Amino acid sequence: MESSSGAQKLMDEDLPPAFYIKKYGNWRTDSINLLHFPYTAWNLSYIIIGACLSNVVHISRLVFLLLAFFFGLGICAHALDELKGHPLQTCFSDRNLKIAAIVSILIAIGLGILEIQKVGLGLIIFILIGIFLTFAYNLELFNGYFHTEIGFALSWGAFPILTSFYVQAHTLSLGAIVVAIAITIFSIIQRRLSTPARFLRRKITKIKVSGKNNLGEDIYLDQNFFLHPLESALNLLSWSFVILSLGLLILKINNS
């Protein structure tokens, strides 16, 4: 692994590029940073929620799909995202990021192909859509047409829900589509919180707003004042969905 000047730049700045990054600069910690926890856990929770919408949850299929999305989204998509300008300023070279993306997407595809015999040929459509969305969104192909708020919400919100339901039920239902719409809205909320948070962290080096309170006293608002409500909401939302999905899965298993 080769170091970059960007990694050293981060060492000199007050704030890391994301609230979930505590350490950076070597390949071990940057490997974890590249996964964008807790966002990856948040998106994987949609897989569990989608599975729990079906009448019966096949655990083996759920595990396979979780692994496929972990490699496809958690690793490949985020490696491609880092390739576009190194927003996390990890120590990975472009070559290493490309290798990680290619290997991980191949593993994700392989896991999907293994499940075709159980799920049916219809799964091929979801595999192809997943591959397309991964590259179109994260590499901002087609002049960034898919790299938008709704593109994010459909790719990493609705798509995991519908894919997971289909893998379990071999079909789609109106109920699953309605839930996918709700998750799309939650994903838009995620994007609307994370976009200004990223801007404050990565584009603004220092904020100090002065004013007076209702007692006439001088007050000063710093960068953390604006970041905290955005990032605390994102953190709470991410883990609440993880807990919700696990609760639904426990109920489903107990009632089966």
Protein backbone atom coordinates (compact mmCIF):
# COMPACT_ATOMS: atom_id res chain seq x y z
CA MET A 1 0.00 0.00 0.00
CA GLU A 2 1.27 3.44 -0.77
CA SER A 3 0.70 6.58 1.25
CA SER A 4 -0.69 9.75 -0.24
CA SER A 5 -0.19 13.41 0.45
CA GLY A 6 -3.92 13.58 1.15
CA ALA A 7 -3.51 11.24 4.11
CA GLN A 8 -0.91 13.56 5.59
CA LYS A 9 -3.21 16.51 4.94
CA LEU A 10 -5.85 14.86 7.10
CA MET A 11 -3.36 14.47 9.92
CA ASP A 12 -3.00 18.24 10.02
CA GLU A 13 -6.70 19.08 10.00
CA ASP A 14 -9.00 19.28 12.97
CA LEU A 15 -11.78 17.09 11.61
CA PRO A 16 -11.60 13.73 9.80
CA PRO A 17 -13.69 13.45 6.61
CA ALA A 18 -16.50 11.54 8.37
CA PHE A 19 -17.74 11.28 11.95
CA TYR A 20 -17.21 7.51 12.06
CA ILE A 21 -13.51 7.77 11.21
CA LYS A 22 -11.34 7.77 14.32
CA LYS A 23 -7.95 6.84 12.93
CA TYR A 24 -6.46 6.86 9.45
CA GLY A 25 -3.17 6.61 7.63
CA ASN A 26 -2.45 2.87 7.50
CA TRP A 27 -4.08 0.08 5.54
CA ARG A 28 -5.60 -1.69 8.57
CA THR A 29 -7.59 1.27 9.87
CA ASP A 30 -8.32 2.57 6.40
CA SER A 31 -9.78 -0.82 5.42
CA ILE A 32 -12.38 -0.31 8.14
CA ASN A 33 -12.87 3.34 7.23
CA LEU A 34 -13.51 2.37 3.61
CA LEU A 35 -16.56 0.36 4.66
CA HIS A 36 -18.31 3.53 5.85
CA PHE A 37 -19.71 2.05 9.01
CA PRO A 38 -22.37 2.68 10.26
CA TYR A 39 -23.80 3.38 6.79
CA THR A 40 -23.02 -0.10 5.49
CA ALA A 41 -24.74 -1.66 8.50
CA TRP A 42 -27.71 0.63 7.86
CA ASN A 43 -28.03 -0.50 4.24
CA LEU A 44 -27.56 -4.17 5.13
CA SER A 45 -30.44 -3.82 7.59
CA TYR A 46 -32.69 -3.26 4.56
CA ILE A 47 -31.78 -6.76 3.39
CA ILE A 48 -33.06 -8.20 6.65
CA ILE A 49 -36.19 -6.05 6.58
CA GLY A 50 -36.94 -7.11 3.00
CA ALA A 51 -36.56 -10.77 3.93
CA CYS A 52 -38.87 -10.38 6.93
CA LEU A 53 -41.63 -9.09 4.65
CA SER A 54 -42.00 -12.54 3.12
CA ASN A 55 -44.08 -15.33 4.62
CA VAL A 56 -41.05 -17.52 5.28
CA VAL A 57 -37.44 -16.43 5.83
CA HIS A 58 -34.88 -18.82 4.40
CA ILE A 59 -31.85 -18.08 6.56
CA SER A 60 -29.33 -19.51 4.09
CA ARG A 61 -30.62 -17.20 1.33
CA LEU A 62 -30.57 -14.25 3.73
CA VAL A 63 -26.95 -14.94 4.67
CA PHE A 64 -25.91 -15.27 1.01
CA LEU A 65 -27.60 -11.99 0.14
CA LEU A 66 -26.10 -10.17 3.10
CA LEU A 67 -22.66 -11.33 2.01
CA ALA A 68 -23.33 -10.38 -1.62
CA PHE A 69 -24.41 -6.86 -0.66
CA PHE A 70 -21.53 -6.55 1.79
CA PHE A 71 -19.04 -7.22 -0.99
CA GLY A 72 -20.99 -5.32 -3.65
CA LEU A 73 -21.92 -2.27 -1.57
CA GLY A 74 -19.70 -2.35 1.50
CA ILE A 75 -16.49 -2.93 -0.44
CA CYS A 76 -16.92 -2.47 -4.20
CA ALA A 77 -19.19 0.59 -4.20
CA HIS A 78 -17.17 2.33 -1.52
CA ALA A 79 -13.87 1.50 -3.22
CA LEU A 80 -15.24 3.06 -6.41
CA ASP A 81 -16.44 6.06 -4.44
CA GLU A 82 -12.98 6.52 -2.94
CA LEU A 83 -11.53 6.23 -6.43
CA LYS A 84 -13.42 9.40 -7.40
CA GLY A 85 -11.27 12.02 -5.72
CA HIS A 86 -10.36 10.09 -2.54
CA PRO A 87 -12.97 11.79 -0.31
CA LEU A 88 -11.92 9.71 2.72
CA GLN A 89 -8.25 10.35 1.95
CA THR A 90 -7.30 6.73 2.67
CA CYS A 91 -3.79 5.49 2.05
CA PHE A 92 -4.92 3.18 -0.78
CA SER A 93 -3.62 3.84 -4.26
CA ASP A 94 -5.97 3.93 -7.23
CA ARG A 95 -4.60 0.56 -8.31
CA ASN A 96 -5.42 -1.05 -4.97
CA LEU A 97 -8.90 0.46 -4.97
CA LYS A 98 -9.56 -0.89 -8.46
CA ILE A 99 -8.39 -4.36 -7.42
CA ALA A 100 -10.60 -4.27 -4.33
CA ALA A 101 -13.59 -3.17 -6.42
CA ILE A 102 -13.10 -5.84 -9.09
CA VAL A 103 -12.49 -8.70 -6.66
CA SER A 104 -15.40 -7.75 -4.41
CA ILE A 105 -17.92 -7.33 -7.24
CA LEU A 106 -16.87 -10.68 -8.67
CA ILE A 107 -17.45 -12.31 -5.28
CA ALA A 108 -20.85 -10.61 -5.04
CA ILE A 109 -21.79 -11.83 -8.53
CA GLY A 110 -20.56 -15.34 -7.71
CA LEU A 111 -22.70 -15.46 -4.57
CA GLY A 112 -25.70 -14.35 -6.61
CA ILE A 113 -25.11 -16.97 -9.27
CA LEU A 114 -24.96 -19.69 -6.61
CA GLU A 115 -28.44 -18.70 -5.47
CA ILE A 116 -30.02 -18.77 -8.94
CA GLN A 117 -30.72 -22.50 -8.68
CA LYS A 118 -32.73 -21.87 -5.51
CA VAL A 119 -34.39 -18.58 -6.41
CA GLY A 120 -34.83 -18.91 -10.15
CA LEU A 121 -33.65 -17.17 -13.29
CA GLY A 122 -35.43 -13.97 -12.28
CA LEU A 123 -32.57 -13.32 -9.89
CA ILE A 124 -30.34 -12.62 -12.91
CA ILE A 125 -32.28 -9.39 -13.49
CA PHE A 126 -31.55 -8.22 -9.94
CA ILE A 127 -27.87 -9.15 -10.31
CA LEU A 128 -27.57 -7.13 -13.51
CA ILE A 129 -29.39 -4.16 -11.98
CA GLY A 130 -27.12 -4.33 -8.93
CA ILE A 131 -23.98 -4.32 -11.09
CA PHE A 132 -25.29 -1.39 -13.14
CA LEU A 133 -26.26 0.70 -10.11
CA THR A 134 -22.95 0.05 -8.37
CA PHE A 135 -20.90 1.42 -11.24
CA ALA A 136 -23.35 4.03 -12.55
CA TYR A 137 -23.87 5.66 -9.16
CA ASN A 138 -20.41 5.47 -7.63
CA LEU A 139 -18.44 6.31 -10.77
CA GLU A 140 -20.97 9.03 -11.67
CA LEU A 141 -21.42 7.60 -15.15
CA PHE A 142 -23.70 9.19 -17.75
CA ASN A 143 -22.71 12.67 -16.54
CA GLY A 144 -23.78 11.83 -13.03
CA TYR A 145 -27.39 11.13 -14.07
CA PHE A 146 -27.74 8.41 -11.42
CA HIS A 147 -25.55 10.13 -8.83
CA THR A 148 -28.43 12.12 -7.40
CA GLU A 149 -30.58 12.15 -4.30
CA ILE A 150 -33.25 9.92 -5.86
CA GLY A 151 -30.57 7.78 -7.50
CA PHE A 152 -29.03 7.13 -4.10
CA ALA A 153 -32.41 6.42 -2.50
CA LEU A 154 -33.46 3.94 -5.18
CA SER A 155 -30.05 2.25 -5.43
CA TRP A 156 -29.30 1.77 -1.74
CA GLY A 157 -32.79 1.97 -0.26
CA ALA A 158 -35.51 0.50 -2.48
CA PHE A 159 -33.29 -1.94 -4.40
CA PRO A 160 -32.02 -3.90 -1.35
CA ILE A 161 -35.58 -4.22 0.00
CA LEU A 162 -37.04 -5.51 -3.26
CA THR A 163 -34.08 -7.80 -3.99
CA SER A 164 -34.24 -9.38 -0.56
CA PHE A 165 -38.00 -9.91 -0.75
CA TYR A 166 -37.69 -11.48 -4.19
CA VAL A 167 -34.96 -13.84 -3.04
CA GLN A 168 -37.24 -15.10 -0.28
CA ALA A 169 -40.62 -15.06 -2.03
CA HIS A 170 -39.65 -15.57 -5.72
CA THR A 171 -41.91 -12.66 -6.59
CA LEU A 172 -42.71 -9.06 -5.69
CA SER A 173 -45.80 -7.85 -3.88
CA LEU A 174 -47.64 -4.60 -3.40
CA GLY A 175 -46.73 -4.61 0.30
CA ALA A 176 -43.03 -4.99 -0.46
CA ILE A 177 -43.21 -2.15 -2.99
CA VAL A 178 -44.91 0.13 -0.46
CA VAL A 179 -42.21 -0.64 2.12
CA ALA A 180 -39.57 0.02 -0.55
CA ILE A 181 -41.14 3.45 -1.14
CA ALA A 182 -40.96 4.17 2.60
CA ILE A 183 -37.29 3.11 2.69
CA THR A 184 -36.66 5.33 -0.34
CA ILE A 185 -37.97 8.27 1.66
CA PHE A 186 -35.74 7.34 4.62
CA SER A 187 -32.78 7.16 2.22
CA ILE A 188 -33.60 10.66 0.96
CA ILE A 189 -33.58 11.82 4.59
CA GLN A 190 -30.18 10.15 5.01
CA ARG A 191 -28.85 11.95 1.95
CA ARG A 192 -30.24 15.32 3.04
CA LEU A 193 -28.52 14.97 6.40
CA SER A 194 -25.23 13.59 5.14
CA THR A 195 -24.73 16.03 2.24
CA PRO A 196 -24.45 19.20 4.40
CA ALA A 197 -22.50 17.23 7.02
CA ARG A 198 -19.93 16.20 4.42
CA PHE A 199 -19.77 19.77 3.13
CA LEU A 200 -19.09 21.14 6.61
CA ARG A 201 -16.37 18.56 7.27
CA ARG A 202 -14.64 18.45 3.92
CA LYS A 203 -15.12 21.88 2.36
CA ILE A 204 -15.19 24.23 5.34
CA THR A 205 -12.01 24.46 7.40
CA LYS A 206 -13.31 26.70 10.14
CA ILE A 207 -16.61 28.26 11.24
CA LYS A 208 -17.09 30.84 13.96
CA VAL A 209 -20.39 32.68 14.07
CA SER A 210 -20.84 35.38 16.68
CA GLY A 211 -24.09 36.74 18.01
CA LYS A 212 -26.05 37.52 21.14
CA ASN A 213 -28.54 35.44 23.10
CA ASN A 214 -31.84 36.72 24.50
CA LEU A 215 -29.97 38.06 27.54
CA GLY A 216 -27.73 40.19 25.40
CA GLU A 217 -24.69 38.03 26.09
CA ASP A 218 -22.12 37.33 23.37
CA ILE A 219 -22.24 33.76 21.98
CA TYR A 220 -20.05 31.97 19.48
CA LEU A 221 -21.15 29.06 17.29
CA ASP A 222 -18.41 26.81 15.94
CA GLN A 223 -18.28 24.02 13.36
CA ASN A 224 -19.33 21.38 15.85
CA PHE A 225 -22.53 23.28 16.64
CA PHE A 226 -23.74 22.79 13.06
CA LEU A 227 -22.33 19.29 12.59
CA HIS A 228 -23.56 17.64 15.78
CA PRO A 229 -27.33 17.60 15.08
CA LEU A 230 -26.76 16.29 11.55
CA GLU A 231 -24.32 13.54 12.45
CA SER A 232 -25.97 12.47 15.69
CA ALA A 233 -29.24 12.04 13.76
CA LEU A 234 -27.44 9.98 11.10
CA ASN A 235 -25.77 7.81 13.73
CA LEU A 236 -29.02 7.22 15.63
CA LEU A 237 -30.96 6.48 12.46
CA SER A 238 -28.39 3.98 11.24
CA TRP A 239 -28.32 1.91 14.40
CA SER A 240 -32.08 2.18 14.93
CA PHE A 241 -32.59 0.48 11.56
CA VAL A 242 -30.07 -2.22 12.48
CA ILE A 243 -31.90 -2.88 15.75
CA LEU A 244 -35.29 -2.77 14.00
CA SER A 245 -34.19 -5.33 11.40
CA LEU A 246 -32.79 -7.67 14.05
CA GLY A 247 -36.00 -7.37 16.06
CA LEU A 248 -38.10 -8.24 13.00
CA LEU A 249 -35.86 -11.20 12.24
CA ILE A 250 -36.13 -12.52 15.81
CA LEU A 251 -39.92 -12.24 15.68
CA LYS A 252 -39.99 -13.98 12.31
CA ILE A 253 -37.84 -16.86 13.51
CA ASN A 254 -39.82 -17.27 16.73
CA ASN A 255 -43.12 -17.36 14.84
CA SER A 256 -41.95 -19.79 12.19
